[in-house]
C-alpha cells in the first residue's frame, strides 16, 4: 500500500483518475480488454468526472461493476447508486462500455447476489476505485466487516453511523428514510483487484483515515485491511490527512 498526499481535493481527484485511467489503458494493451469496479458517493463525484475526461481510454473494451446498492431503492430515487453511476459515469463516457453490470436492489436480493457473483467469477479485476466511509467501511461493509467470506456479493445490514453519513450527504430527507440493508461487494472480492485506487477527501473522513492507516488491522475498521494489499494507493489531501501522525504533509510526499 502507498499513501499519496495531494495539495487539495482537485489534485486528489485528478491524480487518482489519471492513475486509474493508465491502469485501464495498460490492461487493454496487455490483453485487449479491462474489467473495473467504479465507486459511488459524494466523495467520488470529482474523481469520476476526471476519469470520464481522461484521454485515450478505449471504454468500449471495458466492463464495469459497481460496489453497492441499497435494498428497496428504485432507480428513480435520488439516492440510487445505479442512478448515480448512470448519470455521472456511464452516460458521460465518450463511447459506450463493453458492459456495465449494475446492482438491482429492488427484487430478490439474494438471487441478485448470486447473479453478480457468477458474472464476476474468474474475472481479473484490473482496478477498483473505492473510498472509505466515515465509519471506516469499504463499500457497504460496515464494522465489524467479514474479512473471510467466500461470497463476492452479499446482503448486509447498515449500521447507524453509515446511515447517518448517507443522511448527512443529502441523499435522504430523514434518517428513517435511509434503508437498513444493502447489497455490497465483499471485502475479499474488493481485495482481488490487481490495483486499488482509494480516493478519500474531506475532513469528515479524517478520523477513519487515521484509524485505517495507524490503528490496528481489524474488522472493526474495515479499511485497515487495505494495508495488506500490495498495490493499493490511498489518495489523501490536507483535510482527510489532518489527524495522521507527522502533522502537515507535503503533496506527493509519499509514493
Protein backbone atom coordinates (compact mmCIF):
# COMPACT_ATOMS: atom_id res chain seq x y z
CA UNK A 1 0.00 0.00 0.00
CA UNK A 2 1.16 3.52 -0.78
CA UNK A 3 -0.24 6.78 0.51
CA UNK A 4 -0.32 9.69 -1.94
CA UNK A 5 -0.66 13.13 -0.35
CA UNK A 6 -2.17 15.75 -2.67
CA UNK A 7 -2.27 19.53 -2.31
CA UNK A 8 -6.07 19.69 -2.42
CA UNK A 9 -9.27 17.95 -3.45
CA UNK A 10 -8.94 18.88 -7.11
CA UNK A 11 -5.47 17.42 -7.37
CA UNK A 12 -6.59 14.31 -5.49
CA UNK A 13 -9.42 13.67 -7.95
CA UNK A 14 -7.22 14.29 -10.97
CA UNK A 15 -4.31 12.15 -9.77
CA UNK A 16 -6.49 9.24 -8.71
CA UNK A 17 -8.35 9.31 -12.04
CA UNK A 18 -5.12 9.57 -14.03
CA UNK A 19 -3.67 6.60 -12.18
CA UNK A 20 -6.79 4.57 -12.85
CA UNK A 21 -7.02 5.58 -16.49
CA UNK A 22 -3.44 4.50 -17.11
CA UNK A 23 -4.14 1.18 -15.39
CA UNK A 24 -7.07 0.64 -17.75
CA UNK A 25 -5.02 1.59 -20.82
CA UNK A 26 -2.26 -0.81 -19.76
CA UNK A 27 -4.73 -3.66 -19.29
CA UNK A 28 -6.23 -3.08 -22.74
CA UNK A 29 -2.74 -3.04 -24.27
CA UNK A 30 -1.85 -6.23 -22.44
CA UNK A 31 -4.94 -8.36 -23.08
CA UNK A 32 -7.35 -6.38 -25.27
CA UNK A 33 -9.92 -5.58 -22.59
CA UNK A 34 -10.26 -4.44 -18.98
CA UNK A 35 -12.59 -5.06 -16.06
CA UNK A 36 -13.02 -2.37 -13.42
CA UNK A 37 -15.09 -1.51 -10.36
CA UNK A 38 -16.43 2.03 -10.01
CA UNK A 39 -17.47 3.85 -6.82
CA UNK A 40 -20.37 5.99 -5.66
CA UNK A 41 -20.95 8.65 -3.03
CA UNK A 42 -20.39 12.37 -2.69
CA UNK A 43 -16.65 11.97 -2.12
CA UNK A 44 -16.24 10.28 -5.51
CA UNK A 45 -18.00 12.82 -7.74
CA UNK A 46 -14.89 14.81 -8.71
CA UNK A 47 -12.79 11.69 -9.28
CA UNK A 48 -15.44 10.19 -11.58
CA UNK A 49 -15.65 13.44 -13.55
CA UNK A 50 -11.88 13.37 -14.04
CA UNK A 51 -11.96 9.70 -15.02
CA UNK A 52 -14.64 10.32 -17.65
CA UNK A 53 -12.48 13.11 -19.09
CA UNK A 54 -9.28 11.03 -19.20
CA UNK A 55 -7.91 10.88 -22.77
CA UNK A 56 -7.39 7.80 -24.93
CA UNK A 57 -9.28 5.27 -22.82
CA UNK A 58 -10.93 2.62 -25.01
CA UNK A 59 -14.11 2.41 -22.97
CA UNK A 60 -15.74 0.07 -25.46
CA UNK A 61 -13.23 -2.54 -24.29
CA UNK A 62 -14.06 -2.02 -20.60
CA UNK A 63 -16.52 -3.98 -18.46
CA UNK A 64 -17.56 -2.25 -15.23
CA UNK A 65 -19.10 -3.45 -11.98
CA UNK A 66 -20.09 -1.28 -9.05
CA UNK A 67 -19.68 -1.70 -5.34
CA UNK A 68 -23.04 -1.47 -3.63
CA UNK A 69 -26.71 -0.56 -3.73
CA UNK A 70 -29.47 -0.04 -1.20
CA UNK A 71 -32.13 -2.69 -0.81
CA UNK A 72 -35.54 -1.42 -1.91
CA UNK A 73 -34.44 1.81 -3.60
CA UNK A 74 -35.77 2.23 -7.16
CA UNK A 75 -33.69 3.58 -9.99
CA UNK A 76 -35.78 6.76 -9.89
CA UNK A 77 -34.79 7.59 -6.29
CA UNK A 78 -32.16 10.37 -5.91
CA UNK A 79 -30.11 8.09 -3.62
CA UNK A 80 -29.96 5.19 -6.06
CA UNK A 81 -26.34 4.29 -6.71
CA UNK A 82 -27.32 2.77 -10.05
CA UNK A 83 -28.77 6.15 -10.99
CA UNK A 84 -25.66 7.92 -9.64
CA UNK A 85 -23.36 5.87 -11.87
CA UNK A 86 -25.52 6.02 -14.96
CA UNK A 87 -25.76 9.82 -14.68
CA UNK A 88 -22.20 10.58 -13.54
CA UNK A 89 -20.23 7.87 -15.31
CA UNK A 90 -21.90 5.63 -17.89
CA UNK A 91 -23.83 8.31 -19.78
CA UNK A 92 -20.89 10.75 -19.82
CA UNK A 93 -18.33 8.44 -21.39
CA UNK A 94 -17.22 9.35 -24.92
CA UNK A 95 -18.00 5.81 -26.09
CA UNK A 96 -20.20 3.09 -24.56
CA UNK A 97 -18.78 0.50 -22.18
CA UNK A 98 -18.49 -3.10 -23.33
CA UNK A 99 -20.80 -3.89 -20.38
CA UNK A 100 -21.98 -2.32 -17.15
CA UNK A 101 -23.18 -4.78 -14.52
CA UNK A 102 -25.17 -2.68 -12.09
CA UNK A 103 -26.77 -3.91 -8.87
CA UNK A 104 -30.57 -4.19 -8.66
CA UNK A 105 -31.69 -3.95 -5.05
CA UNK A 106 -35.42 -3.99 -5.74
CA UNK A 107 -36.24 -7.65 -6.33
CA UNK A 108 -34.89 -10.91 -4.91
CA UNK A 109 -31.69 -9.52 -3.44
CA UNK A 110 -30.11 -12.87 -2.64
CA UNK A 111 -30.69 -14.05 -6.21
CA UNK A 112 -29.11 -10.76 -7.34
CA UNK A 113 -26.01 -11.55 -5.27
CA UNK A 114 -25.79 -14.94 -6.96
CA UNK A 115 -26.20 -13.37 -10.41
CA UNK A 116 -23.46 -10.81 -9.80
CA UNK A 117 -21.15 -13.38 -8.23
CA UNK A 118 -21.45 -15.56 -11.34
CA UNK A 119 -20.72 -12.59 -13.60
CA UNK A 120 -17.58 -11.60 -11.72
CA UNK A 121 -16.30 -15.12 -11.03
CA UNK A 122 -12.95 -15.82 -12.66
CA UNK A 123 -12.54 -12.27 -13.97
CA UNK A 124 -9.28 -10.45 -13.49
CA UNK A 125 -10.23 -7.09 -11.99
CA UNK A 126 -7.65 -4.60 -13.20
CA UNK A 127 -8.61 -1.71 -10.96
CA UNK A 128 -11.21 -0.99 -8.32
CA UNK A 129 -11.94 2.65 -7.48
CA UNK A 130 -13.07 2.84 -3.86
CA UNK A 131 -13.48 5.22 -0.94
CA UNK A 132 -13.55 4.99 2.85
CA UNK A 133 -16.68 5.71 4.87
CA UNK A 134 -16.85 7.87 7.95
CA UNK A 135 -17.12 4.66 9.99
CA UNK A 136 -14.17 3.12 8.12
CA UNK A 137 -16.31 1.00 5.84
CA UNK A 138 -15.33 -0.29 2.40
CA UNK A 139 -18.32 -0.29 0.04
CA UNK A 140 -21.15 -1.14 2.47
CA UNK A 141 -19.03 -3.49 4.58
CA UNK A 142 -19.66 -1.74 7.89
CA UNK A 143 -17.78 -2.71 11.04
CA UNK A 144 -17.26 -5.44 12.01
CA UNK A 145 -16.67 -6.43 8.38
CA UNK A 146 -16.40 -10.02 7.21
CA UNK A 147 -12.81 -10.45 6.03
CA UNK A 148 -13.19 -14.18 5.39
CA UNK A 149 -16.41 -14.69 3.41
CA UNK A 150 -16.19 -16.71 0.21
CA UNK A 151 -19.02 -14.68 -1.33
CA UNK A 152 -18.40 -11.94 -3.89
CA UNK A 153 -21.61 -10.02 -3.13
CA UNK A 154 -23.86 -10.25 -0.11
CA UNK A 155 -26.74 -8.57 1.69
CA UNK A 156 -25.70 -6.61 4.77
CA UNK A 157 -27.34 -4.52 7.46
CA UNK A 158 -26.14 -0.93 7.61
CA UNK A 159 -25.04 0.42 10.97
CA UNK A 160 -26.28 3.74 12.34
CA UNK A 161 -23.11 5.78 11.59
CA UNK A 162 -23.23 4.63 7.97
CA UNK A 163 -26.90 5.53 7.65
CA UNK A 164 -26.28 8.92 9.26
CA UNK A 165 -23.48 9.58 6.76
CA UNK A 166 -25.92 8.97 3.89
CA UNK A 167 -28.39 11.37 5.51
CA UNK A 168 -25.67 13.97 6.09
CA UNK A 169 -24.60 13.83 2.44
CA UNK A 170 -28.12 14.89 1.46
CA UNK A 171 -29.40 11.74 -0.24
CA UNK A 172 -32.42 11.38 2.10
CA UNK A 173 -34.81 13.77 3.81
CA UNK A 174 -34.85 11.94 7.16
CA UNK A 175 -32.95 9.20 8.94
CA UNK A 176 -35.96 6.89 8.81
CA UNK A 177 -35.86 7.03 5.00
CA UNK A 178 -32.33 5.60 4.85
CA UNK A 179 -32.56 1.86 4.09
CA UNK A 180 -31.35 -0.52 6.75
CA UNK A 181 -29.99 -3.06 4.23
CA UNK A 182 -27.85 -3.05 1.12
CA UNK A 183 -26.15 -5.33 -1.37
CA UNK A 184 -22.39 -4.93 -1.24
CA UNK A 185 -19.31 -6.30 -2.93
CA UNK A 186 -17.46 -8.13 -0.18
CA UNK A 187 -14.07 -7.23 1.22
CA UNK A 188 -12.34 -10.37 -0.17
CA UNK A 189 -13.72 -9.60 -3.64
CA UNK A 190 -12.52 -5.98 -3.46
CA UNK A 191 -9.05 -7.20 -2.45
CA UNK A 192 -8.84 -9.43 -5.55
CA UNK A 193 -8.28 -6.33 -7.69
CA UNK A 194 -4.81 -6.02 -9.20
CA UNK A 195 -4.88 -2.29 -8.39
CA UNK A 196 -6.89 -0.45 -5.74
CA UNK A 197 -7.34 3.32 -6.01
CA UNK A 198 -8.85 4.74 -2.83
CA UNK A 199 -9.88 8.42 -3.00
CA UNK A 200 -10.54 9.98 0.41
CA UNK A 201 -11.17 13.73 0.53
CA UNK A 202 -12.83 15.77 3.30
CA UNK A 203 -12.29 16.49 6.99
CA UNK A 204 -15.21 14.23 7.92
CA UNK A 205 -13.12 11.24 6.81
CA UNK A 206 -10.02 12.19 8.84
CA UNK A 207 -10.80 10.03 11.87
CA UNK A 208 -11.46 6.98 9.70
CA UNK A 209 -8.25 7.59 7.75
CA UNK A 210 -6.21 7.72 10.95
CA UNK A 211 -7.81 4.53 12.27
CA UNK A 212 -7.29 2.73 8.95
CA UNK A 213 -3.66 3.74 8.47
CA UNK A 214 -2.35 3.97 12.02
CA UNK A 215 -4.60 1.80 14.17
CA UNK A 216 -4.83 -1.97 14.46
CA UNK A 217 -5.72 -4.07 11.43
CA UNK A 218 -9.20 -5.15 12.44
CA UNK A 219 -12.68 -5.85 11.05
CA UNK A 220 -13.83 -3.04 13.34
CA UNK A 221 -12.04 -0.68 10.93
CA UNK A 222 -12.75 -2.37 7.58
CA UNK A 223 -10.47 -0.02 5.60
CA UNK A 224 -7.48 -1.12 7.69
CA UNK A 225 -7.34 -4.27 5.52
CA UNK A 226 -6.05 -2.11 2.66
CA UNK A 227 -2.65 -2.21 4.36
CA UNK A 228 -2.42 -5.87 3.28
CA UNK A 229 -2.90 -5.10 -0.41
CA UNK A 230 0.41 -4.89 -2.32
CA UNK A 231 -0.88 -2.47 -4.96
CA UNK A 232 -3.29 -0.15 -3.16
CA UNK A 233 -2.95 3.61 -3.47
CA UNK A 234 -4.73 5.81 -0.92
CA UNK A 235 -5.09 9.39 -2.14
CA UNK A 236 -5.42 12.00 0.62
CA UNK A 237 -5.49 15.79 0.86
CA UNK A 238 -4.78 18.08 3.82
CA UNK A 239 -8.23 17.77 5.40
CA UNK A 240 -8.54 14.00 5.22
CA UNK A 241 -4.90 13.57 6.34
CA UNK A 242 -5.15 16.14 9.15
CA UNK A 243 -5.18 13.66 12.06
CA UNK A 244 -2.31 11.47 10.87
CA UNK A 245 0.87 11.43 12.92
CA UNK A 246 3.51 13.74 11.50
CA UNK A 247 1.38 16.84 11.16
CA UNK A 248 1.30 18.74 7.85
CA UNK A 249 2.11 16.76 4.73
CA UNK A 250 3.64 17.97 1.50
CA UNK A 251 1.89 16.98 -1.71
CA UNK A 252 3.45 13.93 -3.34
CA UNK A 253 5.46 13.24 -0.18
CA UNK A 254 4.78 9.52 -0.18
CA UNK A 255 4.63 7.43 -3.35
